[in-house]
Amino acid sequence: MLNYILTSGDRAMFNPIFGKATVIVPAAGVVLTGTGIPKVNNKEICIVGDEKRVIVPPCSYTSPPHITPGIGTLSIESLAANQIAIKVKSKRIAVLLKGTTFIAKFQVTTPAQTPTPPQPDLILQYFGTGYFTTTNMKVKGR
């Protein structure tokens, strides 16, 4: 199925629920930087691997009963099959498509705590979801 090709300036958006943890995610999302060729609308296209550069530190989180916020880093763990082009390539690497949802990872760097007595959250990574938004409404790929 055809889907819009992602380009530089498009955004990765993260949903705030990561299992039992709630993460304060950037409301505007994270800007993608494409490294592929050719350009679409004068912007470099995104290829597989460009999503690995989407890293968002620091984000605060809570995870009941750990309601004193902790801190961690957001990233894209893996893409959905419909976010990777099968036929369209750049530099012999598959192009990224808008698709549906990707798997996001939240890596804890400072654990959230219970208020009294203070006890740290023992879970050091949580998984959630996210999606891409695009300004490209002309060029699709499969």
N, C-alpha and C. Protein backbone atom coordinates (compact mmCIF):
# COMPACT_ATOMS: atom_id res chain seq x y z
N MET A 1 0.84 -1.17 0.00
CA MET A 1 0.00 0.00 0.00
C MET A 1 0.89 1.25 0.00
N LEU A 2 0.51 2.25 -0.75
CA LEU A 2 1.28 3.48 -0.83
C LEU A 2 1.12 4.32 0.42
N ASN A 3 2.21 4.98 0.80
CA ASN A 3 2.20 5.86 1.96
C ASN A 3 3.15 7.01 1.70
N TYR A 4 2.96 8.13 2.39
CA TYR A 4 3.79 9.31 2.17
C TYR A 4 5.22 9.09 2.62
N ILE A 5 6.17 9.58 1.81
CA ILE A 5 7.60 9.49 2.14
C ILE A 5 7.94 10.59 3.14
N LEU A 6 8.70 10.23 4.18
CA LEU A 6 9.13 11.20 5.19
C LEU A 6 10.32 12.00 4.68
N THR A 7 10.37 13.27 5.07
CA THR A 7 11.46 14.16 4.66
C THR A 7 11.99 14.93 5.86
N SER A 8 13.12 15.59 5.68
CA SER A 8 13.68 16.46 6.74
C SER A 8 12.61 17.46 7.16
N GLY A 9 12.49 17.68 8.45
CA GLY A 9 11.50 18.62 8.97
C GLY A 9 10.22 17.94 9.43
N ASP A 10 9.97 16.70 8.98
CA ASP A 10 8.82 15.96 9.50
C ASP A 10 9.10 15.62 10.96
N ARG A 11 8.09 15.14 11.65
CA ARG A 11 8.24 14.96 13.10
C ARG A 11 7.89 13.55 13.57
N ALA A 12 8.61 13.12 14.60
CA ALA A 12 8.28 11.90 15.34
C ALA A 12 7.54 12.36 16.60
N MET A 13 6.34 11.85 16.78
CA MET A 13 5.50 12.19 17.93
C MET A 13 5.44 10.97 18.86
N PHE A 14 5.56 11.20 20.16
CA PHE A 14 5.54 10.11 21.13
C PHE A 14 4.26 10.17 21.96
N ASN A 15 3.59 9.03 22.11
CA ASN A 15 2.44 8.94 23.01
C ASN A 15 2.97 8.89 24.44
N PRO A 16 2.29 9.52 25.42
CA PRO A 16 2.84 9.63 26.77
C PRO A 16 2.76 8.36 27.64
N ILE A 17 1.97 7.39 27.26
CA ILE A 17 1.81 6.18 28.08
C ILE A 17 2.81 5.12 27.66
N PHE A 18 3.66 4.73 28.61
CA PHE A 18 4.68 3.70 28.41
C PHE A 18 4.45 2.62 29.46
N GLY A 19 3.54 1.71 29.18
CA GLY A 19 3.18 0.72 30.17
C GLY A 19 2.52 1.40 31.35
N LYS A 20 3.05 1.18 32.57
CA LYS A 20 2.48 1.86 33.74
C LYS A 20 3.10 3.24 33.98
N ALA A 21 4.08 3.60 33.17
CA ALA A 21 4.73 4.91 33.30
C ALA A 21 4.05 5.94 32.41
N THR A 22 4.01 7.17 32.91
CA THR A 22 3.55 8.30 32.11
C THR A 22 4.74 9.24 31.92
N VAL A 23 5.07 9.50 30.66
CA VAL A 23 6.23 10.30 30.31
C VAL A 23 5.76 11.67 29.80
N ILE A 24 6.44 12.72 30.23
CA ILE A 24 6.17 14.06 29.71
C ILE A 24 6.92 14.16 28.38
N VAL A 25 6.19 14.00 27.28
CA VAL A 25 6.80 13.98 25.95
C VAL A 25 6.77 15.38 25.34
N PRO A 26 7.69 15.68 24.40
CA PRO A 26 7.65 16.99 23.75
C PRO A 26 6.37 17.15 22.94
N ALA A 27 5.59 18.17 23.23
CA ALA A 27 4.30 18.37 22.55
C ALA A 27 4.46 18.59 21.06
N ALA A 28 5.55 19.21 20.66
CA ALA A 28 5.77 19.50 19.24
C ALA A 28 6.45 18.34 18.52
N GLY A 29 6.77 17.27 19.25
CA GLY A 29 7.47 16.16 18.64
C GLY A 29 8.94 16.45 18.44
N VAL A 30 9.59 15.58 17.68
CA VAL A 30 11.03 15.69 17.43
C VAL A 30 11.24 15.76 15.92
N VAL A 31 12.00 16.73 15.47
CA VAL A 31 12.23 16.94 14.04
C VAL A 31 13.15 15.86 13.48
N LEU A 32 12.76 15.30 12.34
CA LEU A 32 13.57 14.31 11.64
C LEU A 32 14.55 15.01 10.71
N THR A 33 15.72 14.41 10.54
CA THR A 33 16.70 14.89 9.58
C THR A 33 16.96 13.78 8.59
N GLY A 34 16.59 14.01 7.33
CA GLY A 34 16.79 13.00 6.29
C GLY A 34 18.19 13.03 5.73
N THR A 35 18.69 11.86 5.35
CA THR A 35 20.02 11.76 4.76
C THR A 35 19.98 11.14 3.37
N GLY A 36 18.78 10.95 2.84
CA GLY A 36 18.63 10.32 1.53
C GLY A 36 18.61 11.32 0.39
N ILE A 37 18.69 10.78 -0.81
CA ILE A 37 18.55 11.56 -2.04
C ILE A 37 17.57 10.82 -2.92
N PRO A 38 16.84 11.41 -3.78
CA PRO A 38 16.76 12.83 -4.10
C PRO A 38 15.96 13.57 -3.05
N LYS A 39 15.59 14.80 -3.36
CA LYS A 39 14.80 15.62 -2.45
C LYS A 39 13.34 15.58 -2.86
N VAL A 40 12.46 15.78 -1.86
CA VAL A 40 11.04 15.94 -2.09
C VAL A 40 10.67 17.29 -1.51
N ASN A 41 10.07 18.15 -2.31
CA ASN A 41 9.74 19.51 -1.87
C ASN A 41 10.97 20.25 -1.34
N ASN A 42 12.12 20.03 -1.96
CA ASN A 42 13.38 20.66 -1.58
C ASN A 42 13.91 20.19 -0.22
N LYS A 43 13.49 19.03 0.24
CA LYS A 43 13.94 18.48 1.53
C LYS A 43 14.48 17.07 1.30
N GLU A 44 15.57 16.73 2.00
CA GLU A 44 16.13 15.39 1.89
C GLU A 44 15.12 14.37 2.40
N ILE A 45 15.05 13.21 1.74
CA ILE A 45 14.15 12.16 2.20
C ILE A 45 14.80 11.39 3.34
N CYS A 46 13.97 10.79 4.17
CA CYS A 46 14.46 10.00 5.30
C CYS A 46 14.61 8.54 4.87
N ILE A 47 15.69 7.93 5.30
CA ILE A 47 15.95 6.53 4.99
C ILE A 47 16.12 5.76 6.30
N VAL A 48 16.03 4.43 6.19
CA VAL A 48 16.20 3.58 7.37
C VAL A 48 17.54 3.92 8.03
N GLY A 49 17.52 4.15 9.30
CA GLY A 49 18.69 4.57 10.07
C GLY A 49 18.54 5.99 10.56
N ASP A 50 17.83 6.83 9.79
CA ASP A 50 17.61 8.20 10.23
C ASP A 50 16.78 8.24 11.51
N GLU A 51 15.90 7.27 11.70
CA GLU A 51 15.06 7.23 12.92
C GLU A 51 15.90 6.96 14.17
N LYS A 52 17.07 6.36 14.02
CA LYS A 52 17.93 6.06 15.17
C LYS A 52 18.53 7.33 15.77
N ARG A 53 18.51 8.42 15.02
CA ARG A 53 19.05 9.70 15.54
C ARG A 53 18.00 10.49 16.32
N VAL A 54 16.80 9.93 16.42
CA VAL A 54 15.74 10.58 17.21
C VAL A 54 15.94 10.16 18.66
N ILE A 55 16.58 11.02 19.44
CA ILE A 55 16.84 10.77 20.86
C ILE A 55 16.42 12.02 21.62
N VAL A 56 15.58 11.84 22.64
CA VAL A 56 15.02 12.98 23.36
C VAL A 56 15.38 12.92 24.84
N PRO A 57 16.49 13.56 25.26
CA PRO A 57 16.75 13.67 26.68
C PRO A 57 16.49 15.09 27.13
N PRO A 58 16.29 15.41 28.32
CA PRO A 58 15.73 14.54 29.35
C PRO A 58 14.21 14.72 29.40
N CYS A 59 13.51 13.66 29.70
CA CYS A 59 12.06 13.71 29.87
C CYS A 59 11.75 13.21 31.27
N SER A 60 10.81 13.86 31.94
CA SER A 60 10.44 13.38 33.27
C SER A 60 9.30 12.37 33.14
N TYR A 61 9.18 11.53 34.16
CA TYR A 61 8.14 10.50 34.17
C TYR A 61 7.74 10.16 35.59
N THR A 62 6.59 9.56 35.72
CA THR A 62 6.14 8.96 36.98
C THR A 62 5.62 7.57 36.66
N SER A 63 5.63 6.72 37.67
CA SER A 63 5.14 5.35 37.51
C SER A 63 4.58 4.89 38.85
N PRO A 64 3.25 5.06 39.06
CA PRO A 64 2.66 4.76 40.36
C PRO A 64 3.13 3.41 40.91
N PRO A 65 3.48 3.35 42.19
CA PRO A 65 3.35 4.36 43.24
C PRO A 65 4.51 5.35 43.30
N HIS A 66 5.38 5.33 42.32
CA HIS A 66 6.54 6.23 42.27
C HIS A 66 6.10 7.56 41.66
N ILE A 67 5.58 8.45 42.52
CA ILE A 67 4.97 9.68 42.01
C ILE A 67 5.90 10.90 42.08
N THR A 68 7.07 10.74 42.71
CA THR A 68 8.08 11.79 42.64
C THR A 68 8.82 11.56 41.32
N PRO A 69 8.75 12.53 40.39
CA PRO A 69 9.24 12.28 39.02
C PRO A 69 10.70 11.86 38.93
N GLY A 70 10.93 11.02 37.94
CA GLY A 70 12.28 10.62 37.54
C GLY A 70 12.55 11.17 36.15
N ILE A 71 13.70 10.81 35.61
CA ILE A 71 14.12 11.34 34.30
C ILE A 71 14.62 10.19 33.43
N GLY A 72 14.43 10.36 32.12
CA GLY A 72 14.91 9.37 31.18
C GLY A 72 15.00 9.92 29.77
N THR A 73 15.34 9.04 28.85
CA THR A 73 15.55 9.39 27.45
C THR A 73 14.59 8.62 26.56
N LEU A 74 13.97 9.33 25.62
CA LEU A 74 13.08 8.70 24.63
C LEU A 74 13.83 8.41 23.34
N SER A 75 13.47 7.29 22.71
CA SER A 75 14.03 6.97 21.40
C SER A 75 13.06 6.07 20.64
N ILE A 76 13.33 5.86 19.38
CA ILE A 76 12.54 4.93 18.57
C ILE A 76 13.22 3.57 18.63
N GLU A 77 12.52 2.58 19.15
CA GLU A 77 13.07 1.23 19.28
C GLU A 77 12.98 0.47 17.96
N SER A 78 11.79 0.49 17.33
CA SER A 78 11.63 -0.22 16.06
C SER A 78 10.47 0.37 15.28
N LEU A 79 10.56 0.23 13.97
CA LEU A 79 9.54 0.75 13.07
C LEU A 79 8.53 -0.34 12.74
N ALA A 80 7.31 0.08 12.38
CA ALA A 80 6.30 -0.85 11.88
C ALA A 80 6.68 -1.23 10.45
N ALA A 81 6.22 -2.37 10.00
CA ALA A 81 6.52 -2.82 8.64
C ALA A 81 6.06 -1.81 7.59
N ASN A 82 4.93 -1.13 7.85
CA ASN A 82 4.43 -0.19 6.85
C ASN A 82 5.10 1.18 6.93
N GLN A 83 6.17 1.31 7.72
CA GLN A 83 6.95 2.54 7.78
C GLN A 83 8.28 2.41 7.03
N ILE A 84 8.50 1.23 6.45
CA ILE A 84 9.72 0.97 5.69
C ILE A 84 9.31 0.59 4.27
N ALA A 85 9.77 1.37 3.30
CA ALA A 85 9.41 1.09 1.90
C ALA A 85 10.02 -0.22 1.44
N ILE A 86 9.25 -0.96 0.67
CA ILE A 86 9.73 -2.22 0.11
C ILE A 86 10.41 -1.98 -1.24
N LYS A 87 9.83 -1.08 -2.02
CA LYS A 87 10.32 -0.86 -3.39
C LYS A 87 11.13 0.41 -3.57
N VAL A 88 10.89 1.43 -2.75
CA VAL A 88 11.57 2.72 -2.94
C VAL A 88 12.83 2.76 -2.08
N LYS A 89 13.96 3.04 -2.72
CA LYS A 89 15.23 3.07 -2.01
C LYS A 89 16.00 4.34 -2.36
N SER A 90 16.91 4.70 -1.46
CA SER A 90 17.83 5.80 -1.69
C SER A 90 19.19 5.30 -1.20
N LYS A 91 20.19 5.41 -2.03
CA LYS A 91 21.53 4.91 -1.67
C LYS A 91 21.47 3.41 -1.33
N ARG A 92 20.55 2.69 -1.98
CA ARG A 92 20.32 1.25 -1.75
C ARG A 92 19.76 0.95 -0.38
N ILE A 93 19.21 1.96 0.27
CA ILE A 93 18.61 1.80 1.60
C ILE A 93 17.14 2.17 1.49
N ALA A 94 16.29 1.41 2.17
CA ALA A 94 14.84 1.66 2.13
C ALA A 94 14.50 3.04 2.66
N VAL A 95 13.51 3.66 2.05
CA VAL A 95 13.01 4.97 2.43
C VAL A 95 12.00 4.81 3.57
N LEU A 96 11.93 5.81 4.46
CA LEU A 96 10.95 5.78 5.55
C LEU A 96 9.62 6.36 5.07
N LEU A 97 8.54 5.72 5.52
CA LEU A 97 7.18 6.14 5.17
C LEU A 97 6.44 6.54 6.44
N LYS A 98 5.39 7.35 6.27
CA LYS A 98 4.59 7.79 7.42
C LYS A 98 4.03 6.59 8.19
N GLY A 99 3.39 5.67 7.52
CA GLY A 99 2.89 4.44 8.14
C GLY A 99 1.99 4.66 9.34
N THR A 100 1.96 3.68 10.24
CA THR A 100 1.08 3.74 11.41
C THR A 100 1.85 4.14 12.66
N THR A 101 2.20 3.18 13.51
CA THR A 101 2.89 3.50 14.77
C THR A 101 4.19 2.71 14.92
N PHE A 102 5.17 3.36 15.52
CA PHE A 102 6.43 2.69 15.83
C PHE A 102 6.48 2.36 17.32
N ILE A 103 7.41 1.49 17.68
CA ILE A 103 7.64 1.16 19.09
C ILE A 103 8.68 2.15 19.63
N ALA A 104 8.33 2.81 20.73
CA ALA A 104 9.22 3.78 21.37
C ALA A 104 9.77 3.19 22.66
N LYS A 105 10.97 3.63 23.02
CA LYS A 105 11.59 3.17 24.27
C LYS A 105 11.88 4.37 25.16
N PHE A 106 11.59 4.21 26.45
CA PHE A 106 11.95 5.21 27.45
C PHE A 106 12.97 4.57 28.36
N GLN A 107 14.21 5.08 28.34
CA GLN A 107 15.31 4.55 29.14
C GLN A 107 15.48 5.43 30.37
N VAL A 108 15.25 4.88 31.54
CA VAL A 108 15.35 5.63 32.79
C VAL A 108 16.81 5.93 33.11
N THR A 109 17.10 7.21 33.44
CA THR A 109 18.44 7.58 33.88
C THR A 109 18.43 7.94 35.37
N THR A 110 17.35 8.53 35.85
CA THR A 110 17.15 8.80 37.27
C THR A 110 15.76 8.27 37.64
N PRO A 111 15.70 7.21 38.44
CA PRO A 111 14.40 6.59 38.73
C PRO A 111 13.44 7.52 39.49
N ALA A 112 12.15 7.38 39.17
CA ALA A 112 11.11 8.03 39.96
C ALA A 112 11.13 7.39 41.35
N GLN A 113 10.55 8.09 42.34
CA GLN A 113 10.60 7.61 43.73
C GLN A 113 9.20 7.61 44.35
N THR A 114 9.03 6.75 45.35
CA THR A 114 7.84 6.86 46.19
C THR A 114 8.12 7.98 47.18
N PRO A 115 7.07 8.72 47.62
CA PRO A 115 7.33 9.86 48.51
C PRO A 115 7.84 9.47 49.90
N THR A 116 7.15 8.58 50.59
CA THR A 116 7.56 8.24 51.95
C THR A 116 7.32 6.76 52.20
N PRO A 117 8.30 5.98 52.54
CA PRO A 117 9.73 6.31 52.47
C PRO A 117 10.18 6.31 51.01
N PRO A 118 11.21 7.09 50.71
CA PRO A 118 11.68 7.14 49.32
C PRO A 118 12.22 5.78 48.86
N GLN A 119 11.61 5.27 47.79
CA GLN A 119 12.08 4.03 47.18
C GLN A 119 12.08 4.22 45.68
N PRO A 120 13.17 3.87 45.01
CA PRO A 120 13.26 4.10 43.57
C PRO A 120 12.45 3.08 42.77
N ASP A 121 12.03 3.52 41.61
CA ASP A 121 11.41 2.64 40.62
C ASP A 121 12.50 1.68 40.15
N LEU A 122 12.22 0.39 40.18
CA LEU A 122 13.23 -0.60 39.80
C LEU A 122 13.20 -0.93 38.30
N ILE A 123 12.17 -0.47 37.61
CA ILE A 123 12.10 -0.71 36.16
C ILE A 123 12.90 0.38 35.45
N LEU A 124 13.88 -0.04 34.67
CA LEU A 124 14.79 0.92 34.06
C LEU A 124 14.50 1.22 32.59
N GLN A 125 13.54 0.51 32.00
CA GLN A 125 13.09 0.89 30.66
C GLN A 125 11.64 0.50 30.46
N TYR A 126 10.96 1.36 29.72
CA TYR A 126 9.55 1.18 29.42
C TYR A 126 9.37 1.29 27.91
N PHE A 127 8.33 0.63 27.40
CA PHE A 127 8.04 0.69 25.98
C PHE A 127 6.67 1.27 25.73
N GLY A 128 6.57 2.06 24.67
CA GLY A 128 5.31 2.69 24.29
C GLY A 128 5.24 2.78 22.78
N THR A 129 4.49 3.77 22.29
CA THR A 129 4.32 3.92 20.85
C THR A 129 4.48 5.38 20.44
N GLY A 130 4.59 5.56 19.16
CA GLY A 130 4.66 6.90 18.58
C GLY A 130 4.28 6.82 17.12
N TYR A 131 4.29 7.96 16.46
CA TYR A 131 3.91 8.02 15.05
C TYR A 131 4.62 9.19 14.39
N PHE A 132 4.61 9.19 13.08
CA PHE A 132 5.23 10.27 12.32
C PHE A 132 4.16 11.20 11.76
N THR A 133 4.50 12.49 11.69
CA THR A 133 3.68 13.44 10.95
C THR A 133 4.54 13.96 9.80
N THR A 134 3.89 14.30 8.71
CA THR A 134 4.63 14.76 7.54
C THR A 134 3.96 15.95 6.89
N THR A 135 4.77 16.77 6.25
CA THR A 135 4.25 17.88 5.47
C THR A 135 4.19 17.50 3.99
N ASN A 136 4.76 16.35 3.64
CA ASN A 136 4.75 15.85 2.27
C ASN A 136 3.39 15.25 1.96
N MET A 137 2.61 15.92 1.14
CA MET A 137 1.31 15.40 0.74
C MET A 137 1.27 15.13 -0.76
N LYS A 138 2.47 14.96 -1.37
CA LYS A 138 2.52 14.76 -2.81
C LYS A 138 3.14 13.41 -3.20
N VAL A 139 4.26 13.06 -2.57
CA VAL A 139 5.03 11.91 -3.04
C VAL A 139 4.84 10.72 -2.08
N LYS A 140 4.41 9.60 -2.69
CA LYS A 140 4.19 8.38 -1.91
C LYS A 140 5.15 7.29 -2.38
N GLY A 141 5.32 6.31 -1.53
CA GLY A 141 6.15 5.17 -1.88
C GLY A 141 5.54 3.89 -1.35
N ARG A 142 6.10 2.78 -1.81
CA ARG A 142 5.64 1.48 -1.33
C ARG A 142 6.83 0.61 -1.07
